[in-house]
Amino acid sequence: MSEYRSGFACFVGRPNAGKSTLTNALVGGKVAITSSRPQTTRHAIRGILNRPDAQLIVVDTPGLHKPRTLLGSRLNDIVRETWAEVDVIGFCVPANVPVGRGDEFIVNELRSVAKRTPIIGVVTKTDLASPDAVAERLTQLSKLMEFADIVPCSAVDGFQVDTVADLFVNRLPEGPQLYPDGELTDEPETTLIAELIREAALEGVRDELPHSLAVLVEEMIPNEGRTDMFDVHAILYVERSSQKGIIIGKGGARLKEVGTAARRQIEALLGTKIYLELHVKVAKDWQRDPKQLRKLGF
């Protein structure tokens, strides 16, 4: 009987390198938020993969980037703290985009942890690239640094996702299960709900909203009239009133769509009906204000 292993892993890579989608594919549930927009993950959300032989806890970090604001440098601190604490790191590059300076920037940061933490090179999104492009990406990746292993995969069609899991599990220390069965994440529910609302609000807004949007779940309480229902009250904070208009949309139509989309996701997460009330407020320049950052949980 082989020993049971348990431990922590994280994926790093440029924003939009497919880290969250791969996390979801591994743990088999929508835990980390995925969005076509970079920089949407803000919390180190842990997804948990339970197997008969192991428990792999995946920590999803924000993308590392050159910070322009106080929030930006706080996000980078979260990344570095996470790297110091995990047993294995997966460095992701998408198959459909050439390796570039952003990747080199991250690899230079990773060199400091590579001495004590194995780093696995992961070429993601192979479903979006030709076999030749995948081969080229693998070659480019192997030239960046010496990886413990290199593996191509696609979270979308499931190609080699199990192999990725095996490579990570093999690098974990032997040890007992760290979380009870059936748990996908250890984030408090309100954090996940805030992330789902934020994801819905960002969908389809292609201008510069990602950094300027924060969501605070004010309360989550059982509905007075119905035992099978929760009331969720949340505030979406933006930095300028022009952004408030974008989120609300003409005659409130967009906010209504956001509410509908978010409600579906939250109900799936909680397994119960919810009544969702959303308000949009302007918190001027909150990203540069330490007091407001604290209030919003950063």
Protein backbone atom coordinates (compact mmCIF):
# COMPACT_ATOMS: atom_id res chain seq x y z
CA MET A 1 0.00 0.00 0.00
CA SER A 2 1.59 3.27 -1.08
CA GLU A 3 1.67 6.18 1.34
CA TYR A 4 -1.02 8.86 1.36
CA ARG A 5 0.24 12.29 0.29
CA SER A 6 -1.15 15.71 1.01
CA GLY A 7 -0.01 19.24 0.41
CA PHE A 8 -0.32 22.52 -1.41
CA ALA A 9 0.26 23.54 -5.00
CA CYS A 10 -0.23 26.74 -6.92
CA PHE A 11 -0.28 27.83 -10.52
CA VAL A 12 1.57 30.92 -11.61
CA GLY A 13 1.79 32.64 -14.94
CA ARG A 14 0.85 35.77 -16.77
CA PRO A 15 -2.72 36.97 -16.37
CA ASN A 16 -4.97 34.91 -18.66
CA ALA A 17 -2.56 31.95 -18.85
CA GLY A 18 -5.38 29.54 -17.96
CA LYS A 19 -4.53 29.07 -14.28
CA SER A 20 -8.07 29.33 -12.90
CA THR A 21 -9.61 27.13 -15.59
CA LEU A 22 -6.99 24.46 -14.92
CA THR A 23 -7.66 24.69 -11.16
CA ASN A 24 -11.37 24.14 -11.82
CA ALA A 25 -10.65 21.20 -14.13
CA LEU A 26 -8.44 19.57 -11.48
CA VAL A 27 -10.78 19.98 -8.53
CA GLY A 28 -13.90 19.36 -10.61
CA GLY A 29 -15.86 22.37 -9.41
CA LYS A 30 -16.09 26.04 -10.11
CA VAL A 31 -14.00 27.46 -7.31
CA ALA A 32 -11.52 29.94 -8.66
CA ILE A 33 -13.20 32.53 -10.83
CA THR A 34 -12.53 32.33 -14.54
CA SER A 35 -13.02 35.26 -16.82
CA SER A 36 -11.67 36.25 -20.19
CA ARG A 37 -10.30 39.34 -18.49
CA PRO A 38 -6.89 39.27 -16.83
CA GLN A 39 -6.44 40.10 -13.14
CA THR A 40 -9.79 38.85 -11.90
CA THR A 41 -8.54 36.53 -9.18
CA ARG A 42 -7.82 38.41 -6.00
CA HIS A 43 -7.95 35.90 -3.20
CA ALA A 44 -5.78 32.87 -2.67
CA ILE A 45 -8.78 30.59 -3.19
CA ARG A 46 -7.97 26.99 -2.50
CA GLY A 47 -9.48 24.26 -4.60
CA ILE A 48 -9.20 20.76 -3.19
CA LEU A 49 -8.61 17.61 -5.22
CA ASN A 50 -9.47 14.48 -3.21
CA ARG A 51 -8.10 11.18 -4.52
CA PRO A 52 -7.82 7.77 -2.84
CA ASP A 53 -4.05 8.26 -2.62
CA ALA A 54 -3.78 11.98 -2.00
CA GLN A 55 -5.25 15.35 -1.25
CA LEU A 56 -3.95 18.19 -3.38
CA ILE A 57 -4.90 21.68 -2.29
CA VAL A 58 -4.57 24.17 -5.13
CA VAL A 59 -4.01 27.78 -4.22
CA ASP A 60 -5.03 30.17 -6.94
CA THR A 61 -2.95 33.35 -6.85
CA PRO A 62 -3.53 36.60 -8.70
CA GLY A 63 -1.33 37.00 -11.79
CA LEU A 64 2.02 38.57 -11.01
CA HIS A 65 2.50 41.87 -12.80
CA LYS A 66 4.42 45.11 -12.58
CA PRO A 67 2.38 47.06 -10.02
CA ARG A 68 1.08 50.56 -10.75
CA THR A 69 -1.05 51.04 -7.65
CA LEU A 70 -1.05 50.12 -3.98
CA LEU A 71 -3.56 47.37 -4.76
CA GLY A 72 -1.17 46.09 -7.44
CA SER A 73 1.71 45.75 -5.03
CA ARG A 74 -0.55 44.14 -2.40
CA LEU A 75 -1.56 41.56 -5.00
CA ASN A 76 2.09 40.83 -5.76
CA ASP A 77 2.78 40.37 -2.03
CA ILE A 78 -0.02 37.78 -1.89
CA VAL A 79 1.67 35.93 -4.77
CA ARG A 80 5.10 35.84 -3.10
CA GLU A 81 3.66 34.78 0.26
CA THR A 82 1.83 31.94 -1.50
CA TRP A 83 4.95 30.75 -3.33
CA ALA A 84 6.83 30.51 -0.05
CA GLU A 85 4.20 28.22 1.45
CA VAL A 86 3.42 25.61 -1.23
CA ASP A 87 4.99 22.20 -1.92
CA VAL A 88 4.95 22.44 -5.70
CA ILE A 89 4.42 25.21 -8.26
CA GLY A 90 3.00 24.96 -11.78
CA PHE A 91 4.21 27.66 -14.17
CA CYS A 92 1.59 28.09 -16.92
CA VAL A 93 2.07 29.39 -20.44
CA PRO A 94 -0.75 29.19 -23.01
CA ALA A 95 -0.04 27.13 -26.13
CA ASN A 96 -1.60 29.76 -28.42
CA VAL A 97 0.62 32.69 -27.35
CA PRO A 98 4.42 32.87 -27.76
CA VAL A 99 6.51 32.94 -24.60
CA GLY A 100 7.35 36.58 -23.95
CA ARG A 101 8.85 39.10 -21.58
CA GLY A 102 6.01 38.75 -19.08
CA ASP A 103 6.91 35.06 -18.72
CA GLU A 104 10.60 35.87 -18.29
CA PHE A 105 9.69 38.40 -15.58
CA ILE A 106 7.86 35.67 -13.61
CA VAL A 107 10.57 33.05 -14.16
CA ASN A 108 13.18 35.45 -12.77
CA GLU A 109 11.01 35.78 -9.66
CA LEU A 110 10.57 32.00 -9.47
CA ARG A 111 14.32 31.28 -9.53
CA SER A 112 14.55 32.26 -5.87
CA VAL A 113 12.10 29.51 -4.83
CA ALA A 114 13.21 26.90 -7.38
CA LYS A 115 16.06 25.76 -5.11
CA ARG A 116 13.65 24.39 -2.50
CA THR A 117 10.32 24.01 -4.36
CA PRO A 118 9.86 21.88 -7.50
CA ILE A 119 8.45 23.86 -10.42
CA ILE A 120 6.51 22.13 -13.18
CA GLY A 121 6.18 23.82 -16.56
CA VAL A 122 2.61 23.57 -17.86
CA VAL A 123 1.63 24.43 -21.44
CA THR A 124 -2.12 25.18 -21.21
CA LYS A 125 -4.87 25.62 -23.83
CA THR A 126 -3.50 22.99 -26.25
CA ASP A 127 -7.02 22.87 -27.74
CA LEU A 128 -6.39 26.35 -29.19
CA ALA A 129 -3.10 25.56 -30.92
CA SER A 130 -1.70 23.26 -33.63
CA PRO A 131 0.59 20.37 -32.63
CA ASP A 132 3.52 22.34 -34.10
CA ALA A 133 2.69 25.36 -31.97
CA VAL A 134 2.44 23.17 -28.86
CA ALA A 135 5.85 21.62 -29.64
CA GLU A 136 7.36 25.08 -30.15
CA ARG A 137 5.89 26.27 -26.83
CA LEU A 138 7.35 23.26 -25.01
CA THR A 139 10.78 24.07 -26.48
CA GLN A 140 10.50 27.76 -25.55
CA LEU A 141 9.43 26.80 -22.05
CA SER A 142 12.34 24.39 -21.49
CA LYS A 143 14.77 27.18 -22.41
CA LEU A 144 13.41 29.55 -19.75
CA MET A 145 14.67 27.53 -16.77
CA GLU A 146 15.20 23.99 -15.57
CA PHE A 147 11.80 22.61 -14.64
CA ALA A 148 11.15 19.50 -12.54
CA ASP A 149 8.81 18.37 -15.34
CA ILE A 150 7.11 19.85 -18.40
CA VAL A 151 3.60 18.88 -19.49
CA PRO A 152 1.10 20.09 -22.14
CA CYS A 153 -2.62 19.99 -21.26
CA SER A 154 -6.04 21.40 -22.01
CA ALA A 155 -8.51 22.11 -19.21
CA VAL A 156 -11.25 22.55 -21.81
CA ASP A 157 -11.15 19.11 -23.45
CA GLY A 158 -9.51 17.38 -20.47
CA PHE A 159 -6.32 16.46 -22.34
CA GLN A 160 -3.68 15.33 -19.78
CA VAL A 161 -5.42 16.99 -16.82
CA ASP A 162 -4.96 13.71 -14.90
CA THR A 163 -1.27 13.70 -15.83
CA VAL A 164 -0.93 17.21 -14.40
CA ALA A 165 -2.59 15.98 -11.19
CA ASP A 166 -0.20 12.99 -11.02
CA LEU A 167 2.89 15.16 -11.50
CA PHE A 168 1.75 17.45 -8.69
CA VAL A 169 0.72 14.64 -6.32
CA ASN A 170 4.10 12.90 -6.81
CA ARG A 171 5.82 16.02 -5.48
CA LEU A 172 3.71 16.25 -2.30
CA PRO A 173 5.04 15.15 1.08
CA GLU A 174 3.55 12.07 2.73
CA GLY A 175 0.96 13.12 5.26
CA PRO A 176 -2.66 12.86 6.39
CA GLN A 177 -5.70 14.43 4.78
CA LEU A 178 -5.75 18.13 5.67
CA TYR A 179 -9.40 18.92 4.89
CA PRO A 180 -12.55 16.84 5.36
CA ASP A 181 -13.98 14.97 2.34
CA GLY A 182 -16.39 16.81 0.12
CA GLU A 183 -14.87 20.24 0.60
CA LEU A 184 -13.87 22.02 -2.56
CA THR A 185 -12.57 25.19 -0.97
CA ASP A 186 -11.88 26.70 2.42
CA GLU A 187 -12.74 30.26 1.47
CA PRO A 188 -15.64 31.72 3.44
CA GLU A 189 -18.82 31.62 1.37
CA THR A 190 -19.20 35.41 1.31
CA THR A 191 -15.77 35.72 -0.36
CA LEU A 192 -16.78 33.28 -3.08
CA ILE A 193 -20.13 35.02 -3.53
CA ALA A 194 -18.39 38.39 -3.88
CA GLU A 195 -16.09 36.89 -6.52
CA LEU A 196 -19.03 35.43 -8.46
CA ILE A 197 -20.82 38.80 -8.46
CA ARG A 198 -17.63 40.49 -9.55
CA GLU A 199 -17.16 38.00 -12.37
CA ALA A 200 -20.73 38.55 -13.60
CA ALA A 201 -20.32 42.33 -13.44
CA LEU A 202 -17.11 42.22 -15.49
CA GLU A 203 -18.48 39.95 -18.20
CA GLY A 204 -18.84 41.80 -21.45
CA VAL A 205 -17.41 45.08 -20.16
CA ARG A 206 -14.29 45.38 -22.21
CA ASP A 207 -13.02 48.74 -20.98
CA GLU A 208 -10.80 49.26 -17.98
CA LEU A 209 -13.08 48.08 -15.21
CA PRO A 210 -11.25 45.04 -13.78
CA HIS A 211 -9.08 46.88 -11.31
CA SER A 212 -11.71 49.46 -10.43
CA LEU A 213 -14.36 47.03 -9.29
CA ALA A 214 -14.64 45.58 -5.79
CA VAL A 215 -17.59 43.71 -4.33
CA LEU A 216 -18.51 43.58 -0.67
CA VAL A 217 -21.19 41.17 0.56
CA GLU A 218 -22.83 43.18 3.33
CA GLU A 219 -25.03 40.42 4.67
CA MET A 220 -26.28 36.96 3.94
CA ILE A 221 -29.30 36.03 6.05
CA PRO A 222 -32.11 33.46 5.89
CA ASN A 223 -35.18 34.83 4.11
CA GLU A 224 -37.94 35.74 6.58
CA GLY A 225 -40.78 34.27 4.57
CA ARG A 226 -39.11 31.14 3.16
CA THR A 227 -37.01 28.50 4.87
CA ASP A 228 -35.40 27.39 1.59
CA MET A 229 -34.04 30.81 0.68
CA PHE A 230 -31.26 33.24 1.61
CA ASP A 231 -31.15 37.01 1.14
CA VAL A 232 -27.82 38.32 -0.11
CA HIS A 233 -27.10 42.05 -0.08
CA ALA A 234 -23.98 43.20 -1.89
CA ILE A 235 -22.37 46.49 -2.91
CA LEU A 236 -20.32 46.92 -6.05
CA TYR A 237 -17.72 49.64 -5.57
CA VAL A 238 -16.31 51.55 -8.52
CA GLU A 239 -13.92 54.49 -8.56
CA ARG A 240 -15.79 56.96 -10.75
CA SER A 241 -19.40 57.79 -11.48
CA SER A 242 -18.82 57.13 -15.21
CA GLN A 243 -18.01 53.53 -14.26
CA LYS A 244 -21.16 53.36 -12.18
CA GLY A 245 -23.13 54.11 -15.35
CA ILE A 246 -21.38 51.29 -17.20
CA ILE A 247 -22.23 48.74 -14.51
CA ILE A 248 -25.87 49.83 -14.16
CA GLY A 249 -26.54 50.22 -17.90
CA LYS A 250 -29.46 51.92 -19.59
CA GLY A 251 -32.43 52.04 -17.25
CA GLY A 252 -30.69 49.55 -14.94
CA ALA A 253 -30.83 46.83 -17.60
CA ARG A 254 -27.20 45.76 -17.26
CA LEU A 255 -27.25 45.50 -13.47
CA LYS A 256 -30.35 43.33 -13.78
CA GLU A 257 -28.48 40.97 -16.14
CA VAL A 258 -25.52 40.91 -13.75
CA GLY A 259 -27.88 40.00 -10.90
CA THR A 260 -29.49 37.19 -12.87
CA ALA A 261 -26.15 35.70 -13.95
CA ALA A 262 -24.62 36.00 -10.48
CA ARG A 263 -27.71 34.57 -8.79
CA ARG A 264 -27.54 31.40 -10.91
CA GLN A 265 -23.89 30.87 -9.99
CA ILE A 266 -24.45 31.58 -6.29
CA GLU A 267 -27.45 29.24 -6.12
CA ALA A 268 -25.32 26.50 -7.70
CA LEU A 269 -22.58 27.19 -5.14
CA LEU A 270 -24.85 27.20 -2.10
CA GLY A 271 -27.36 24.64 -3.32
CA THR A 272 -30.22 26.88 -2.21
CA LYS A 273 -32.44 29.62 -3.64
CA ILE A 274 -31.32 33.18 -3.05
CA TYR A 275 -32.74 36.67 -3.32
CA LEU A 276 -29.91 38.94 -4.50
CA GLU A 277 -29.90 42.67 -3.99
CA LEU A 278 -27.13 44.68 -5.65
CA HIS A 279 -26.19 48.32 -5.17
CA VAL A 280 -23.47 50.26 -6.98
CA LYS A 281 -21.48 52.88 -5.08
CA VAL A 282 -18.60 55.16 -6.00
CA ALA A 283 -15.58 54.95 -3.67
CA LYS A 284 -13.21 57.50 -5.14
CA ASP A 285 -9.74 56.10 -5.94
CA TRP A 286 -10.20 53.19 -3.51
CA GLN A 287 -7.23 51.34 -4.98
CA ARG A 288 -4.82 53.98 -3.69
CA ASP A 289 -6.38 54.46 -0.29
CA PRO A 290 -5.14 52.08 2.46
CA LYS A 291 -8.22 52.67 4.61
CA GLN A 292 -10.64 51.80 1.81
CA LEU A 293 -8.50 48.81 0.79
CA ARG A 294 -8.80 47.43 4.32
CA LYS A 295 -12.55 47.96 4.34
CA LEU A 296 -12.84 46.02 1.08
CA GLY A 297 -10.73 43.19 2.44
CA PHE A 298 -7.31 43.78 0.93
